[in-house]
Amino acid sequence: MLKRELKKGTVILIEELLFNYEGIEEYIAEHLNQKEYWPNRYAFTIYDDLMVTNLIHARDTIQSILNSTEPLPYKVIELHYLKNRPLKEVAETLNCTLKECKNYKAIIIAEIAKHLGLLI
């Protein structure tokens, strides 16, 4: 039961990263631009710094995987997550089955999880 819940949590995390991919870049830039050196450095917690470091790693990992992905699986991810189109519509647009789209999606998510060191 725990393994299934971990897998579900990993998939949800990666899907959130993909759905909010453009927002990640904005958050990173905002965070990095707010930092100044003493005496004018804004107060940031260790958690904020760690979160930004992890987001940078996740962004770079996702970008690397998407850049090396075949065109059709890439289009599935792009249309579904980055352009927020329903998976059924993506399948129709790409002239493939819904099952194929789900398989491509699962493969990419598994690859991202593997490179991020997450259990899936």
Protein backbone atom coordinates (compact mmCIF):
# COMPACT_ATOMS: atom_id res chain seq x y z
CA MET A 1 0.00 0.00 0.00
CA LEU A 2 2.78 2.47 0.91
CA LYS A 3 4.63 1.86 -2.38
CA ARG A 4 1.46 2.59 -4.34
CA GLU A 5 0.94 5.82 -2.39
CA LEU A 6 4.57 6.85 -2.99
CA LYS A 7 4.16 6.20 -6.70
CA LYS A 8 0.97 8.25 -6.78
CA GLY A 9 2.69 11.07 -4.89
CA THR A 10 5.63 11.07 -7.29
CA VAL A 11 3.33 11.22 -10.32
CA ILE A 12 1.34 14.07 -8.78
CA LEU A 13 4.54 16.00 -8.01
CA ILE A 14 5.87 15.61 -11.54
CA GLU A 15 2.52 16.50 -13.07
CA GLU A 16 2.41 19.66 -10.94
CA LEU A 17 5.90 20.55 -12.15
CA LEU A 18 4.84 20.05 -15.76
CA PHE A 19 1.51 21.90 -15.46
CA ASN A 20 3.29 24.82 -13.76
CA TYR A 21 6.47 24.68 -15.82
CA GLU A 22 6.37 28.31 -16.96
CA GLY A 23 5.58 29.47 -13.42
CA ILE A 24 8.64 27.64 -12.11
CA GLU A 25 10.92 29.80 -14.23
CA GLU A 26 9.19 32.96 -13.01
CA TYR A 27 9.42 31.84 -9.37
CA ILE A 28 13.12 31.04 -9.69
CA ALA A 29 13.86 34.39 -11.35
CA GLU A 30 11.86 36.30 -8.76
CA HIS A 31 13.59 34.52 -5.90
CA LEU A 32 17.07 35.01 -7.31
CA ASN A 33 16.45 38.67 -8.16
CA GLN A 34 15.30 39.45 -4.62
CA LYS A 35 18.54 38.32 -3.04
CA GLU A 36 21.01 41.05 -2.26
CA TYR A 37 24.19 40.95 -0.26
CA TRP A 38 24.63 42.38 3.23
CA PRO A 39 23.44 44.73 4.61
CA ASN A 40 20.49 44.84 2.22
CA ARG A 41 19.94 41.10 1.76
CA TYR A 42 16.33 40.09 2.18
CA ALA A 43 15.63 37.43 4.75
CA PHE A 44 15.06 34.04 3.15
CA THR A 45 14.69 30.83 5.02
CA ILE A 46 16.77 27.78 4.35
CA TYR A 47 13.58 26.13 3.14
CA ASP A 48 13.06 28.79 0.45
CA ASP A 49 16.64 28.44 -0.76
CA LEU A 50 16.36 24.65 -0.78
CA MET A 51 13.06 24.81 -2.67
CA VAL A 52 14.56 27.07 -5.33
CA THR A 53 17.60 24.80 -5.65
CA ASN A 54 15.29 21.80 -6.10
CA LEU A 55 13.15 23.68 -8.61
CA ILE A 56 16.23 24.61 -10.64
CA HIS A 57 17.29 20.96 -10.65
CA ALA A 58 13.77 19.82 -11.62
CA ARG A 59 13.51 22.45 -14.37
CA ASP A 60 16.88 21.49 -15.83
CA THR A 61 16.06 17.78 -15.64
CA ILE A 62 12.67 18.22 -17.31
CA GLN A 63 14.15 20.40 -20.04
CA SER A 64 16.92 17.89 -20.71
CA ILE A 65 14.47 15.00 -20.96
CA LEU A 66 12.06 16.92 -23.17
CA ASN A 67 14.91 17.98 -25.46
CA SER A 68 15.95 14.35 -25.93
CA THR A 69 12.42 12.96 -26.35
CA GLU A 70 11.07 11.74 -29.68
CA PRO A 71 8.69 14.19 -31.41
CA LEU A 72 5.38 12.39 -30.75
CA PRO A 73 5.86 11.81 -26.99
CA TYR A 74 7.17 15.37 -26.72
CA LYS A 75 4.03 16.72 -28.42
CA VAL A 76 1.83 14.74 -26.01
CA ILE A 77 3.60 16.36 -23.04
CA GLU A 78 3.65 19.78 -24.64
CA LEU A 79 -0.04 19.83 -25.56
CA HIS A 80 -1.34 18.20 -22.39
CA TYR A 81 0.81 19.79 -19.70
CA LEU A 82 2.33 22.94 -21.16
CA LYS A 83 -0.74 23.99 -23.18
CA ASN A 84 -3.30 22.48 -20.75
CA ARG A 85 -5.25 20.53 -23.34
CA PRO A 86 -7.26 17.45 -22.33
CA LEU A 87 -5.55 14.15 -23.13
CA LYS A 88 -8.46 13.03 -25.33
CA GLU A 89 -8.10 16.19 -27.42
CA VAL A 90 -4.33 15.64 -27.62
CA ALA A 91 -4.91 12.12 -28.95
CA GLU A 92 -7.28 13.42 -31.61
CA THR A 93 -4.90 16.24 -32.58
CA LEU A 94 -1.95 13.87 -32.91
CA ASN A 95 -4.00 11.16 -34.61
CA CYS A 96 -3.17 8.50 -32.04
CA THR A 97 -5.15 6.58 -29.45
CA LEU A 98 -5.82 7.76 -25.93
CA LYS A 99 -3.96 4.68 -24.68
CA GLU A 100 -0.86 5.65 -26.69
CA CYS A 101 -0.97 9.16 -25.19
CA LYS A 102 -1.26 7.73 -21.68
CA ASN A 103 1.67 5.41 -22.37
CA TYR A 104 3.84 8.27 -23.67
CA LYS A 105 2.88 10.34 -20.65
CA ALA A 106 3.76 7.50 -18.25
CA ILE A 107 7.12 6.89 -19.94
CA ILE A 108 8.11 10.56 -19.73
CA ILE A 109 6.97 10.87 -16.11
CA ALA A 110 8.93 7.71 -15.20
CA GLU A 111 12.01 9.11 -16.93
CA ILE A 112 11.72 12.43 -15.08
CA ALA A 113 11.25 10.58 -11.77
CA LYS A 114 14.29 8.41 -12.44
CA HIS A 115 16.50 11.42 -13.19
CA LEU A 116 15.21 13.28 -10.13
CA GLY A 117 15.89 10.25 -7.94
CA LEU A 118 12.24 9.77 -7.03
CA LEU A 119 10.50 6.45 -6.44
CA ILE A 120 8.01 5.37 -9.04
